[in-house]
Amino acid sequence: MKTVSFVSFILVLYLIFIRMAKNAHAYWWTVGKTNMKDTSVQSILATHKFSKNQRLLLKQSPELLFSIGKGAAMAIQECKRQFINSRWNCSDYSPESVFGKILQRACKETSFIYAITSAGATYALTEGCAKGAVNGCHCQSGLNNRVREKQDWVYEGCHDNIQYGYENGKAFTDAKETSRDFKGLVNLHNNEAGRTLVVDLMKQECKCLGVSGNCNVKTCRRKLSSFQEIGNRLKELFNRATKVQPNQIFSNRRITRNYPITQNVENSKIKNTYNIVYGEESPNFCKYDLNVGSLGTLNRYCNATVGAIEGCEQLCCGRKWKTEKLTRSESCNCVFKWCCNVECQECKITKEYSFCK
C-alpha cells in the first residue's frame, strides 16, 4: 500500500510539473488568431494557453478578453508590417505560440514581440473602453472642466481612458511572467516599454464651438494615436535596442524590483522606461532552422531597386535573386473588425517581383 501511495504521489507531482511547464510557455497572443466574434469565453479559455494568473483575471473580468484578443490581432498585423522587408519578417506560422521558437531566445526580435503585444493590449483596452464595449468602463473626464487659455475658453472633453487600458493591460500581460529570472525581467521591461509608449504618444484633439469661426471657445480631449504610429516608434526603438546582462542595475527600479540588470555599456544607464532591451544576439535568419525560429529567406520577395537593409542584397544574405513580371493578388485596404479579425480586400497587381534564390 505504501508503494502504491508513493507512486501516486510521484504521478501527481509529475502532472503538476507538466501543467506548470505548459503555463510557463503560455503565449496569450495566440488569441489574436482566433475568430472571437462567434466563440464563447469558456471555449477560448479551454483552447488557449493562458497562464494561471491570466486565467484568474479573465474569470474575474471576462469582458477584458475580447479587447485583449483585438489587441493581439493588431500587434501581430503591425509586427508583420514593420518587418516585411527584413530577414525575420514576424511570420505567424506556429499554432502553439504564433511566432515559433524565436520566443525561447532573449533576442531583439523576441523583445519587439513582447513590446508590441503589450502595446496592443493596452491600446485595445483603452479603445474598447472609450467605445463602450467594456462593461462598467467609460471615457475619462478631465480634472478641470473649463480652463482659460489666453483669451480663449477651453472645455475639457471626455478623454480616452488610458488609465483603464494601462492598468488592465499591465495586470494581464505581466501575469504571464511568473518567474523573476533574467529573461522574465527583460520581458517585463519590454512589456512596460510597449504600454508606456501608448501613453506617451496620446495626442490632443480640439474642436471649435460656436458659429463665429474664431474658435475662442473649444473642447479638447486626449486620444490615442494610430497603432501604426506606435508600431513605427517601436521599430525605431528596436533598431537602437540595448543589450543587457544579469547582475547589473537598471535606473528604472519600478520594473526590476530586487532583481537588477543594466545595460552592457560602461558607465551608462537606461534613462528611459521605454527603451527596448535584449539579452542575447539574434540568429542571422538566412537559413531555414525552426530550432532557432528561422524560416530562412529562400523565395522571399525582395526589392531590387533599393540598397541597404530593405534591398535584395541584404535580404538574400549575399545570394543571387531572380526577377519576374507577375500578376498576383495582394491583400489591400485592410481594416480591423470588432472583435477580433482583420478583413482585407483582394487587389490584382501586375509588376516586377524579385525573389531570393
Protein backbone atom coordinates (compact mmCIF):
# COMPACT_ATOMS: atom_id res chain seq x y z
CA MET A 1 0.00 0.00 0.00
CA LYS A 2 2.86 2.37 0.81
CA THR A 3 4.44 1.66 -2.58
CA VAL A 4 1.16 2.44 -4.38
CA SER A 5 0.73 5.66 -2.41
CA PHE A 6 4.28 6.71 -3.21
CA VAL A 7 3.76 6.03 -6.94
CA SER A 8 0.52 8.03 -6.86
CA PHE A 9 2.32 10.89 -5.13
CA ILE A 10 5.06 10.92 -7.77
CA LEU A 11 2.43 10.85 -10.54
CA VAL A 12 0.62 13.83 -9.05
CA LEU A 13 3.89 15.77 -8.81
CA TYR A 14 4.65 14.91 -12.44
CA LEU A 15 1.25 16.17 -13.61
CA ILE A 16 1.69 19.38 -11.65
CA PHE A 17 5.13 19.86 -13.21
CA ILE A 18 3.72 19.34 -16.72
CA ARG A 19 0.93 21.85 -16.06
CA MET A 20 3.44 24.41 -14.76
CA ALA A 21 5.69 23.83 -17.77
CA LYS A 22 2.77 24.49 -20.11
CA ASN A 23 1.87 27.66 -18.26
CA ALA A 24 5.49 28.80 -18.37
CA HIS A 25 5.19 28.92 -22.17
CA ALA A 26 1.64 30.19 -22.31
CA TYR A 27 1.69 32.77 -25.07
CA TRP A 28 -1.51 34.76 -24.63
CA TRP A 29 -1.31 36.46 -28.03
CA THR A 30 -2.44 33.23 -29.75
CA VAL A 31 -5.93 34.55 -29.02
CA GLY A 32 -5.27 37.13 -31.73
CA LYS A 33 -5.53 34.35 -34.34
CA THR A 34 -8.98 33.31 -33.13
CA ASN A 35 -12.33 34.38 -34.58
CA MET A 36 -13.71 35.61 -31.29
CA LYS A 37 -16.94 37.01 -32.62
CA ASP A 38 -18.66 33.61 -32.59
CA THR A 39 -16.64 31.99 -29.80
CA SER A 40 -17.57 31.93 -26.12
CA VAL A 41 -15.22 32.99 -23.35
CA GLN A 42 -15.34 29.47 -21.90
CA SER A 43 -14.30 27.95 -25.21
CA ILE A 44 -11.40 30.37 -25.61
CA LEU A 45 -10.19 29.68 -22.07
CA ALA A 46 -10.34 25.94 -22.78
CA THR A 47 -8.39 26.10 -26.05
CA HIS A 48 -5.69 28.71 -25.34
CA LYS A 49 -2.67 28.51 -23.07
CA PHE A 50 -3.09 31.38 -20.69
CA SER A 51 -1.02 31.42 -17.53
CA LYS A 52 -2.69 30.63 -14.22
CA ASN A 53 -2.75 34.30 -13.19
CA GLN A 54 -4.17 35.35 -16.55
CA ARG A 55 -6.96 32.78 -16.26
CA LEU A 56 -7.87 34.08 -12.82
CA LEU A 57 -8.01 37.62 -14.17
CA LEU A 58 -10.19 36.63 -17.13
CA LYS A 59 -12.58 34.65 -14.95
CA GLN A 60 -12.98 37.69 -12.71
CA SER A 61 -13.33 40.10 -15.66
CA PRO A 62 -14.32 38.13 -18.79
CA GLU A 63 -15.19 41.36 -20.63
CA LEU A 64 -11.43 42.01 -20.98
CA LEU A 65 -10.92 39.03 -23.29
CA PHE A 66 -12.34 40.47 -26.49
CA SER A 67 -10.33 43.69 -26.22
CA ILE A 68 -7.21 41.67 -25.46
CA GLY A 69 -7.93 39.49 -28.49
CA LYS A 70 -8.25 42.54 -30.70
CA GLY A 71 -5.02 43.96 -29.27
CA ALA A 72 -3.18 40.73 -30.07
CA ALA A 73 -4.52 40.72 -33.65
CA MET A 74 -3.45 44.34 -34.12
CA ALA A 75 0.02 43.59 -32.73
CA ILE A 76 0.56 40.57 -34.98
CA GLN A 77 -0.51 42.50 -38.07
CA GLU A 78 1.62 45.54 -37.21
CA CYS A 79 4.65 43.37 -36.43
CA LYS A 80 4.38 41.79 -39.90
CA ARG A 81 4.06 45.23 -41.50
CA GLN A 82 7.13 46.59 -39.71
CA PHE A 83 9.37 43.66 -40.71
CA ILE A 84 8.02 42.90 -44.18
CA ASN A 85 11.39 43.64 -45.80
CA SER A 86 13.60 42.15 -43.08
CA ARG A 87 15.20 38.71 -42.87
CA TRP A 88 13.00 38.00 -39.88
CA ASN A 89 9.55 39.02 -41.08
CA CYS A 90 7.49 38.26 -37.97
CA SER A 91 5.94 35.16 -39.58
CA ASP A 92 2.93 33.88 -37.65
CA TYR A 93 3.42 30.22 -38.54
CA SER A 94 3.12 28.49 -35.17
CA PRO A 95 -0.30 27.49 -33.76
CA GLU A 96 1.34 26.99 -30.35
CA SER A 97 2.94 30.40 -29.98
CA VAL A 98 2.27 32.31 -33.25
CA PHE A 99 5.92 33.32 -33.70
CA GLY A 100 7.67 29.97 -33.12
CA LYS A 101 10.83 29.10 -31.22
CA ILE A 102 12.35 32.55 -31.56
CA LEU A 103 10.44 33.20 -28.33
CA GLN A 104 12.80 30.86 -26.50
CA ARG A 105 15.63 33.30 -27.11
CA ALA A 106 16.05 36.64 -25.34
CA CYS A 107 16.99 38.36 -28.61
CA LYS A 108 15.84 41.66 -30.12
CA GLU A 109 13.02 40.09 -32.12
CA THR A 110 11.51 38.50 -29.01
CA SER A 111 11.81 41.82 -27.20
CA PHE A 112 9.90 43.54 -30.00
CA ILE A 113 7.14 40.90 -29.82
CA TYR A 114 6.67 41.49 -26.10
CA ALA A 115 6.67 45.27 -26.53
CA ILE A 116 4.18 45.39 -29.39
CA THR A 117 1.79 42.81 -27.95
CA SER A 118 1.78 44.67 -24.63
CA ALA A 119 1.13 47.90 -26.52
CA GLY A 120 -1.67 46.17 -28.45
CA ALA A 121 -3.39 45.03 -25.26
CA THR A 122 -3.19 48.49 -23.66
CA TYR A 123 -4.35 50.17 -26.86
CA ALA A 124 -7.34 47.88 -27.47
CA LEU A 125 -8.47 48.01 -23.84
CA THR A 126 -8.35 51.81 -23.91
CA GLU A 127 -10.18 51.93 -27.24
CA GLY A 128 -12.79 49.38 -26.16
CA CYS A 129 -13.49 51.37 -23.01
CA ALA A 130 -13.91 54.61 -24.99
CA LYS A 131 -16.33 52.92 -27.41
CA GLY A 132 -18.43 51.48 -24.59
CA ALA A 133 -17.53 47.89 -25.50
CA VAL A 134 -16.37 47.13 -21.94
CA ASN A 135 -19.00 46.94 -19.21
CA GLY A 136 -18.58 49.43 -16.39
CA CYS A 137 -15.97 51.48 -18.22
CA HIS A 138 -16.30 54.84 -19.94
CA CYS A 139 -14.21 57.73 -21.19
CA GLN A 140 -12.22 59.71 -18.64
CA SER A 141 -13.49 63.14 -17.58
CA GLY A 142 -10.97 65.96 -17.25
CA LEU A 143 -9.93 67.25 -13.87
CA ASN A 144 -10.75 70.83 -14.87
CA ASN A 145 -13.96 71.15 -16.82
CA ARG A 146 -13.09 74.65 -18.06
CA VAL A 147 -9.78 76.48 -18.29
CA ARG A 148 -8.71 79.82 -19.76
CA GLU A 149 -6.00 79.90 -22.44
CA LYS A 150 -5.04 83.50 -23.25
CA GLN A 151 -8.36 84.96 -24.46
CA ASP A 152 -9.99 81.59 -25.22
CA TRP A 153 -12.15 79.27 -23.14
CA VAL A 154 -11.14 75.61 -23.40
CA TYR A 155 -13.54 72.97 -22.13
CA GLU A 156 -12.13 69.55 -21.37
CA GLY A 157 -13.93 66.78 -23.23
CA CYS A 158 -14.05 63.11 -22.30
CA HIS A 159 -10.59 61.65 -22.78
CA ASP A 160 -9.74 58.13 -23.94
CA ASN A 161 -9.42 56.25 -20.64
CA ILE A 162 -5.73 55.40 -20.88
CA GLN A 163 -5.57 54.71 -17.14
CA TYR A 164 -8.01 51.83 -17.58
CA GLY A 165 -6.09 50.48 -20.56
CA TYR A 166 -2.71 50.78 -18.90
CA GLU A 167 -3.70 49.21 -15.58
CA ASN A 168 -5.63 46.28 -17.05
CA GLY A 169 -3.09 45.76 -19.83
CA LYS A 170 -0.30 45.63 -17.25
CA ALA A 171 -2.23 43.26 -14.99
CA PHE A 172 -2.86 40.86 -17.88
CA THR A 173 0.41 40.89 -19.83
CA ASP A 174 2.69 40.89 -16.78
CA ALA A 175 0.73 38.00 -15.25
CA LYS A 176 2.46 35.67 -17.73
CA GLU A 177 5.87 36.31 -16.16
CA THR A 178 5.61 34.20 -13.02
CA SER A 179 9.38 33.94 -12.55
CA ARG A 180 11.73 36.83 -11.86
CA ASP A 181 14.80 35.41 -13.57
CA PHE A 182 16.83 37.40 -16.08
CA LYS A 183 14.70 36.57 -19.11
CA GLY A 184 11.50 37.24 -17.17
CA LEU A 185 12.73 40.68 -16.14
CA VAL A 186 13.71 41.52 -19.71
CA ASN A 187 10.20 40.53 -20.81
CA LEU A 188 8.64 42.68 -18.08
CA HIS A 189 10.72 45.67 -19.09
CA ASN A 190 9.70 45.32 -22.74
CA ASN A 191 6.05 44.92 -21.72
CA GLU A 192 6.37 48.24 -19.92
CA ALA A 193 8.13 49.79 -22.91
CA GLY A 194 5.17 48.98 -25.15
CA ARG A 195 2.36 50.24 -22.93
CA THR A 196 4.29 53.33 -21.78
CA LEU A 197 4.74 54.32 -25.41
CA VAL A 198 0.97 54.10 -25.93
CA VAL A 199 0.53 56.55 -23.03
CA ASP A 200 3.24 58.95 -24.15
CA LEU A 201 2.02 59.08 -27.76
CA MET A 202 -1.50 60.15 -26.84
CA LYS A 203 -2.38 63.40 -28.59
CA GLN A 204 -4.76 66.28 -28.01
CA GLU A 205 -7.72 66.75 -30.32
CA CYS A 206 -9.67 70.00 -30.23
CA LYS A 207 -12.95 71.09 -31.81
CA CYS A 208 -14.14 74.67 -32.13
CA LEU A 209 -17.57 75.62 -30.77
CA GLY A 210 -19.95 78.33 -31.83
CA VAL A 211 -20.69 79.93 -35.18
CA SER A 212 -18.29 82.88 -35.17
CA GLY A 213 -15.42 80.88 -36.66
CA ASN A 214 -12.77 82.50 -34.43
CA CYS A 215 -12.55 79.41 -32.21
CA ASN A 216 -12.45 81.33 -28.96
CA VAL A 217 -14.42 78.51 -27.36
CA LYS A 218 -13.39 74.91 -27.95
CA THR A 219 -13.37 71.45 -26.41
CA CYS A 220 -10.19 69.39 -26.21
CA ARG A 221 -9.64 65.75 -25.35
CA ARG A 222 -6.71 63.37 -25.24
CA LYS A 223 -7.00 60.46 -27.64
CA LEU A 224 -4.93 57.52 -28.82
CA SER A 225 -2.53 57.91 -31.72
CA SER A 226 -2.89 55.42 -34.57
CA PHE A 227 -1.49 51.99 -33.79
CA GLN A 228 0.65 52.25 -36.93
CA GLU A 229 2.37 55.28 -35.39
CA ILE A 230 3.03 53.27 -32.24
CA GLY A 231 4.43 50.45 -34.39
CA ASN A 232 6.72 52.89 -36.20
CA ARG A 233 8.11 54.19 -32.91
CA LEU A 234 8.61 50.69 -31.54
CA LYS A 235 10.55 49.77 -34.69
CA GLU A 236 12.80 52.78 -34.08
CA LEU A 237 13.39 51.54 -30.53
CA PHE A 238 14.10 48.05 -31.92
CA ASN A 239 16.75 49.47 -34.24
CA ARG A 240 18.61 51.01 -31.30
CA ALA A 241 17.78 48.35 -28.69
CA THR A 242 20.23 47.90 -25.82
CA LYS A 243 21.86 44.61 -24.86
CA VAL A 244 21.73 43.89 -21.12
CA GLN A 245 23.34 41.37 -18.79
CA PRO A 246 22.43 39.93 -15.37
CA ASN A 247 23.81 41.41 -12.16
CA GLN A 248 23.83 44.96 -13.42
CA ILE A 249 21.45 47.73 -12.42
CA PHE A 250 18.66 49.44 -14.38
CA SER A 251 17.98 53.00 -13.46
CA ASN A 252 14.30 52.01 -13.59
CA ARG A 253 13.70 50.25 -10.25
CA ARG A 254 9.98 50.01 -10.87
CA ILE A 255 10.46 47.22 -13.38
CA THR A 256 13.36 45.31 -11.86
CA ARG A 257 12.40 45.42 -8.18
CA ASN A 258 15.15 43.46 -6.37
CA TYR A 259 16.49 41.67 -9.45
CA PRO A 260 18.89 44.16 -11.00
CA ILE A 261 20.12 44.14 -14.58
CA THR A 262 21.57 47.00 -16.63
CA GLN A 263 22.99 47.95 -19.96
CA ASN A 264 26.11 46.23 -21.17
CA VAL A 265 27.69 49.66 -21.59
CA GLU A 266 30.32 51.02 -19.25
CA ASN A 267 29.21 53.94 -17.07
CA SER A 268 25.83 54.16 -18.80
CA LYS A 269 22.30 53.65 -17.51
CA ILE A 270 18.93 53.36 -19.16
CA LYS A 271 17.25 56.72 -18.65
CA ASN A 272 14.02 55.97 -20.47
CA THR A 273 11.34 53.49 -19.45
CA TYR A 274 10.56 52.55 -23.00
CA ASN A 275 13.96 51.52 -24.28
CA ILE A 276 13.74 48.03 -25.77
CA VAL A 277 16.31 45.69 -24.23
CA TYR A 278 17.52 42.17 -25.07
CA GLY A 279 19.84 39.59 -23.57
CA GLU A 280 21.41 37.63 -26.44
CA GLU A 281 22.32 38.03 -30.09
CA SER A 282 19.88 37.07 -32.83
CA PRO A 283 20.40 34.30 -35.38
CA ASN A 284 21.04 35.66 -38.90
CA PHE A 285 17.71 34.23 -40.21
CA CYS A 286 19.31 33.40 -43.57
CA LYS A 287 18.75 29.65 -43.42
CA TYR A 288 15.70 27.59 -42.54
CA ASP A 289 16.07 26.39 -38.95
CA LEU A 290 12.93 26.15 -36.83
CA ASN A 291 15.04 25.30 -33.78
CA VAL A 292 16.09 28.93 -33.63
CA GLY A 293 12.84 30.30 -35.07
CA SER A 294 14.19 31.00 -38.56
CA LEU A 295 12.23 30.33 -41.78
CA GLY A 296 15.16 31.47 -43.92
CA THR A 297 14.89 33.83 -46.89
CA LEU A 298 14.64 31.35 -49.79
CA ASN A 299 11.93 32.52 -52.25
CA ARG A 300 11.30 35.65 -50.19
CA TYR A 301 10.20 38.73 -52.13
CA CYS A 302 12.80 41.49 -52.10
CA ASN A 303 13.15 44.98 -53.57
CA ALA A 304 15.88 45.01 -56.21
CA THR A 305 15.63 48.78 -56.70
CA VAL A 306 16.91 49.81 -53.29
CA GLY A 307 20.00 49.10 -51.28
CA ALA A 308 20.64 48.92 -47.56
CA ILE A 309 18.62 46.71 -45.28
CA GLU A 310 15.47 46.55 -47.43
CA GLY A 311 17.21 45.52 -50.66
CA CYS A 312 17.76 42.10 -52.21
CA GLU A 313 21.47 42.02 -51.43
CA GLN A 314 20.81 42.24 -47.73
CA LEU A 315 17.63 40.16 -47.58
CA CYS A 316 19.06 37.34 -49.72
CA CYS A 317 22.12 37.11 -47.45
CA GLY A 318 24.58 37.60 -50.30
CA ARG A 319 22.88 35.03 -52.55
CA LYS A 320 21.52 35.87 -56.00
CA TRP A 321 17.91 36.67 -56.79
CA LYS A 322 15.60 36.33 -59.78
CA THR A 323 13.21 38.94 -61.20
CA GLU A 324 9.89 38.16 -62.93
CA LYS A 325 6.87 40.14 -64.08
CA LEU A 326 3.82 38.67 -62.39
CA THR A 327 0.16 39.38 -61.83
CA ARG A 328 -0.78 38.39 -58.35
CA SER A 329 -3.42 39.02 -55.74
CA GLU A 330 -2.49 41.01 -52.69
CA SER A 331 -4.40 41.97 -49.58
CA CYS A 332 -5.31 45.63 -49.58
CA ASN A 333 -7.44 48.13 -47.67
CA CYS A 334 -7.21 46.02 -44.52
CA VAL A 335 -9.35 47.06 -41.54
CA PHE A 336 -9.89 45.69 -38.05
CA LYS A 337 -13.37 44.42 -37.25
CA TRP A 338 -14.64 44.17 -33.69
CA CYS A 339 -13.77 41.67 -32.44
CA CYS A 340 -11.03 40.47 -33.36
CA ASN A 341 -10.42 39.96 -37.05
CA VAL A 342 -8.57 41.70 -39.85
CA GLU A 343 -10.63 41.95 -43.03
CA CYS A 344 -8.94 42.82 -46.31
CA GLN A 345 -9.97 43.34 -49.89
CA GLU A 346 -8.17 41.44 -52.66
CA CYS A 347 -6.41 43.50 -55.32
CA LYS A 348 -4.73 42.21 -58.51
CA ILE A 349 -1.44 43.92 -59.22
CA THR A 350 0.96 43.40 -62.17
CA LYS A 351 4.57 44.40 -61.57
CA GLU A 352 8.11 43.08 -61.42
CA TYR A 353 8.92 40.92 -58.44
CA SER A 354 12.32 39.79 -57.23
CA PHE A 355 12.80 36.63 -55.17
CA CYS A 356 15.77 35.34 -53.22
CA LYS A 357 17.41 32.17 -54.62
